Amino acid sequence: MTLCVKGGHDFPVEDERGAYCPEHGVELVRHAPRDPHLPPPAGPVSTGPAPAGPTAADPGPALPAPAEPAAADPGPAGADRSP
């Protein structure tokens, strides 16, 4: 049996494909053994380019300054503004 890394106990659910501990939510997936007749992998497997976005080294473009508030609407021309 295989031990749960969070609980230190045997996995309650285990088969040839992996093991699962519902108490701790830990899943172990077994991969098929590598074929010894195949050449070794060329290097680390790339998962694709890093996602674009700001980083500490490159925060990206500066945000525009907030817009000035609009002036109060004086109302229609010639309107009586007396209280």
N, C-alpha and C. Protein backbone atom coordinates (compact mmCIF):
# COMPACT_ATOMS: atom_id res chain seq x y z
N MET A 1 0.85 -1.18 0.00
CA MET A 1 0.00 0.00 0.00
C MET A 1 0.90 1.25 0.00
N THR A 2 0.31 2.33 -0.48
CA THR A 2 1.01 3.61 -0.56
C THR A 2 0.49 4.53 0.54
N LEU A 3 1.39 5.33 1.12
CA LEU A 3 0.98 6.22 2.20
C LEU A 3 0.49 7.56 1.67
N CYS A 4 -0.56 8.09 2.29
CA CYS A 4 -1.08 9.42 1.99
C CYS A 4 -0.07 10.43 2.52
N VAL A 5 0.33 11.39 1.68
CA VAL A 5 1.35 12.35 2.09
C VAL A 5 0.85 13.32 3.15
N LYS A 6 -0.44 13.52 3.26
CA LYS A 6 -0.98 14.45 4.26
C LYS A 6 -1.36 13.77 5.55
N GLY A 7 -1.75 12.49 5.48
CA GLY A 7 -2.23 11.82 6.68
C GLY A 7 -1.29 10.76 7.22
N GLY A 8 -0.31 10.33 6.43
CA GLY A 8 0.62 9.31 6.87
C GLY A 8 -0.02 7.94 7.04
N HIS A 9 -1.16 7.72 6.43
CA HIS A 9 -1.85 6.43 6.50
C HIS A 9 -1.98 5.86 5.10
N ASP A 10 -2.34 4.59 4.99
CA ASP A 10 -2.53 3.97 3.68
C ASP A 10 -3.69 4.65 2.95
N PHE A 11 -3.55 4.77 1.61
CA PHE A 11 -4.65 5.30 0.82
C PHE A 11 -5.82 4.33 0.92
N PRO A 12 -7.03 4.83 1.23
CA PRO A 12 -8.18 3.93 1.31
C PRO A 12 -8.62 3.39 -0.05
N VAL A 13 -8.35 4.14 -1.12
CA VAL A 13 -8.75 3.71 -2.46
C VAL A 13 -7.48 3.62 -3.29
N GLU A 14 -7.15 2.42 -3.78
CA GLU A 14 -5.93 2.24 -4.56
C GLU A 14 -6.14 1.14 -5.58
N ASP A 15 -5.66 1.40 -6.82
CA ASP A 15 -5.69 0.38 -7.87
C ASP A 15 -4.44 0.55 -8.73
N GLU A 16 -4.41 -0.12 -9.91
CA GLU A 16 -3.21 -0.08 -10.74
C GLU A 16 -2.98 1.30 -11.37
N ARG A 17 -4.00 2.15 -11.44
CA ARG A 17 -3.85 3.47 -12.05
C ARG A 17 -3.46 4.55 -11.06
N GLY A 18 -3.69 4.35 -9.78
CA GLY A 18 -3.36 5.38 -8.80
C GLY A 18 -4.03 5.12 -7.47
N ALA A 19 -4.08 6.17 -6.65
CA ALA A 19 -4.66 6.05 -5.33
C ALA A 19 -5.32 7.38 -4.98
N TYR A 20 -6.29 7.33 -4.05
CA TYR A 20 -7.03 8.53 -3.66
C TYR A 20 -7.38 8.48 -2.19
N CYS A 21 -7.21 9.61 -1.51
CA CYS A 21 -7.60 9.73 -0.10
C CYS A 21 -8.71 10.77 -0.02
N PRO A 22 -9.97 10.36 0.14
CA PRO A 22 -11.07 11.31 0.20
C PRO A 22 -11.00 12.20 1.45
N GLU A 23 -10.41 11.72 2.53
CA GLU A 23 -10.32 12.51 3.77
C GLU A 23 -9.46 13.76 3.57
N HIS A 24 -8.36 13.62 2.82
CA HIS A 24 -7.44 14.74 2.63
C HIS A 24 -7.47 15.30 1.21
N GLY A 25 -8.22 14.68 0.30
CA GLY A 25 -8.31 15.16 -1.08
C GLY A 25 -7.03 14.96 -1.87
N VAL A 26 -6.22 13.96 -1.49
CA VAL A 26 -4.95 13.69 -2.16
C VAL A 26 -5.15 12.60 -3.21
N GLU A 27 -4.66 12.88 -4.43
CA GLU A 27 -4.76 11.90 -5.51
C GLU A 27 -3.36 11.60 -6.04
N LEU A 28 -3.07 10.34 -6.22
CA LEU A 28 -1.79 9.90 -6.76
C LEU A 28 -2.09 9.18 -8.07
N VAL A 29 -1.49 9.66 -9.17
CA VAL A 29 -1.72 9.05 -10.48
C VAL A 29 -0.43 8.38 -10.92
N ARG A 30 -0.52 7.11 -11.22
CA ARG A 30 0.65 6.36 -11.69
C ARG A 30 0.72 6.44 -13.20
N HIS A 31 1.93 6.61 -13.71
CA HIS A 31 2.15 6.62 -15.15
C HIS A 31 2.73 5.27 -15.55
N ALA A 32 2.47 4.90 -16.80
CA ALA A 32 3.01 3.64 -17.30
C ALA A 32 4.54 3.71 -17.29
N PRO A 33 5.20 2.60 -17.02
CA PRO A 33 6.67 2.63 -17.06
C PRO A 33 7.17 2.97 -18.46
N ARG A 34 8.30 3.64 -18.51
CA ARG A 34 8.88 4.04 -19.79
C ARG A 34 9.42 2.82 -20.54
N ASP A 35 9.21 2.81 -21.85
CA ASP A 35 9.70 1.73 -22.70
C ASP A 35 11.22 1.85 -22.80
N PRO A 36 11.97 0.83 -22.35
CA PRO A 36 13.43 0.93 -22.38
C PRO A 36 14.01 0.98 -23.78
N HIS A 37 13.24 0.65 -24.81
CA HIS A 37 13.73 0.66 -26.18
C HIS A 37 13.63 2.05 -26.82
N LEU A 38 12.93 2.97 -26.17
CA LEU A 38 12.81 4.33 -26.69
C LEU A 38 13.98 5.17 -26.22
N PRO A 39 14.39 6.18 -27.02
CA PRO A 39 15.48 7.06 -26.56
C PRO A 39 15.00 7.91 -25.39
N PRO A 40 15.93 8.38 -24.57
CA PRO A 40 15.52 9.22 -23.44
C PRO A 40 14.92 10.53 -23.93
N PRO A 41 14.11 11.17 -23.12
CA PRO A 41 13.52 12.44 -23.54
C PRO A 41 14.63 13.48 -23.78
N ALA A 42 14.36 14.43 -24.67
CA ALA A 42 15.35 15.44 -25.06
C ALA A 42 15.59 16.45 -23.94
N GLY A 43 14.67 16.65 -23.07
CA GLY A 43 14.82 17.64 -22.01
C GLY A 43 13.49 17.88 -21.33
N PRO A 44 13.41 18.95 -20.57
CA PRO A 44 12.15 19.24 -19.89
C PRO A 44 11.03 19.47 -20.90
N VAL A 45 9.86 19.05 -20.55
CA VAL A 45 8.71 19.22 -21.42
C VAL A 45 8.17 20.62 -21.22
N SER A 46 7.99 21.33 -22.33
CA SER A 46 7.46 22.68 -22.26
C SER A 46 5.95 22.63 -22.26
N THR A 47 5.35 23.44 -21.44
CA THR A 47 3.88 23.53 -21.41
C THR A 47 3.41 24.70 -22.24
N GLY A 48 4.32 25.33 -23.01
CA GLY A 48 3.95 26.47 -23.84
C GLY A 48 4.55 27.74 -23.30
N PRO A 49 4.30 28.84 -23.99
CA PRO A 49 4.88 30.11 -23.55
C PRO A 49 4.25 30.56 -22.23
N ALA A 50 5.02 31.33 -21.50
CA ALA A 50 4.51 31.87 -20.25
C ALA A 50 3.37 32.83 -20.55
N PRO A 51 2.37 32.90 -19.70
CA PRO A 51 1.25 33.81 -19.95
C PRO A 51 1.74 35.26 -19.94
N ALA A 52 1.17 36.05 -20.84
CA ALA A 52 1.53 37.47 -20.90
C ALA A 52 0.88 38.20 -19.74
N GLY A 53 1.55 39.22 -19.28
CA GLY A 53 0.97 40.02 -18.21
C GLY A 53 2.07 40.76 -17.48
N PRO A 54 1.70 41.71 -16.65
CA PRO A 54 2.71 42.49 -15.93
C PRO A 54 3.48 41.64 -14.94
N THR A 55 4.73 41.98 -14.77
CA THR A 55 5.58 41.33 -13.79
C THR A 55 6.27 42.40 -12.97
N ALA A 56 6.98 42.00 -11.93
CA ALA A 56 7.71 42.97 -11.12
C ALA A 56 8.80 43.64 -11.96
N ALA A 57 9.44 42.89 -12.87
CA ALA A 57 10.49 43.44 -13.70
C ALA A 57 9.93 44.34 -14.80
N ASP A 58 8.76 44.02 -15.33
CA ASP A 58 8.14 44.79 -16.39
C ASP A 58 6.67 45.01 -16.03
N PRO A 59 6.34 46.11 -15.35
CA PRO A 59 4.95 46.32 -14.92
C PRO A 59 3.99 46.64 -16.05
N GLY A 60 4.51 46.84 -17.27
CA GLY A 60 3.63 47.12 -18.39
C GLY A 60 3.43 48.62 -18.55
N PRO A 61 2.56 49.03 -19.49
CA PRO A 61 2.37 50.46 -19.73
C PRO A 61 1.67 51.12 -18.54
N ALA A 62 1.97 52.41 -18.37
CA ALA A 62 1.33 53.17 -17.30
C ALA A 62 -0.15 53.36 -17.63
N LEU A 63 -0.96 53.40 -16.62
CA LEU A 63 -2.39 53.64 -16.82
C LEU A 63 -2.62 55.12 -17.09
N PRO A 64 -3.62 55.48 -17.91
CA PRO A 64 -3.89 56.89 -18.17
C PRO A 64 -4.40 57.57 -16.90
N ALA A 65 -4.15 58.89 -16.83
CA ALA A 65 -4.63 59.66 -15.67
C ALA A 65 -6.14 59.69 -15.69
N PRO A 66 -6.77 59.75 -14.52
CA PRO A 66 -8.23 59.81 -14.49
C PRO A 66 -8.73 61.08 -15.18
N ALA A 67 -9.87 61.00 -15.80
CA ALA A 67 -10.46 62.14 -16.50
C ALA A 67 -10.89 63.21 -15.50
N GLU A 68 -10.79 64.46 -15.94
CA GLU A 68 -11.24 65.57 -15.09
C GLU A 68 -12.77 65.50 -14.97
N PRO A 69 -13.32 65.84 -13.80
CA PRO A 69 -14.79 65.83 -13.69
C PRO A 69 -15.39 66.89 -14.60
N ALA A 70 -16.53 66.60 -15.15
CA ALA A 70 -17.20 67.54 -16.04
C ALA A 70 -17.70 68.74 -15.23
N ALA A 71 -17.70 69.92 -15.87
CA ALA A 71 -18.23 71.12 -15.21
C ALA A 71 -19.73 70.96 -15.02
N ALA A 72 -20.26 71.65 -14.01
CA ALA A 72 -21.70 71.58 -13.75
C ALA A 72 -22.46 72.09 -14.95
N ASP A 73 -23.55 71.46 -15.26
CA ASP A 73 -24.38 71.84 -16.40
C ASP A 73 -25.09 73.16 -16.08
N PRO A 74 -24.82 74.22 -16.87
CA PRO A 74 -25.47 75.49 -16.57
C PRO A 74 -26.94 75.53 -16.98
N GLY A 75 -27.38 74.53 -17.68
CA GLY A 75 -28.78 74.52 -18.11
C GLY A 75 -28.93 75.23 -19.45
N PRO A 76 -30.16 75.35 -19.94
CA PRO A 76 -30.37 76.00 -21.24
C PRO A 76 -29.98 77.48 -21.17
N ALA A 77 -29.54 77.97 -22.32
CA ALA A 77 -29.16 79.40 -22.39
C ALA A 77 -30.36 80.28 -22.06
N GLY A 78 -30.12 81.30 -21.24
CA GLY A 78 -31.19 82.25 -20.90
C GLY A 78 -32.13 81.76 -19.83
N ALA A 79 -31.83 80.60 -19.22
CA ALA A 79 -32.74 80.10 -18.19
C ALA A 79 -32.62 80.94 -16.94
N ASP A 80 -33.69 81.11 -16.23
CA ASP A 80 -33.70 81.88 -14.99
C ASP A 80 -33.05 81.05 -13.92
N ARG A 81 -31.95 81.56 -13.32
CA ARG A 81 -31.22 80.81 -12.33
C ARG A 81 -31.41 81.39 -10.95
N SER A 82 -32.37 82.25 -10.77
CA SER A 82 -32.59 82.84 -9.46
C SER A 82 -33.28 81.85 -8.56
N PRO A 83 -32.98 81.94 -7.25
CA PRO A 83 -33.60 80.97 -6.34
C PRO A 83 -35.07 81.19 -6.11
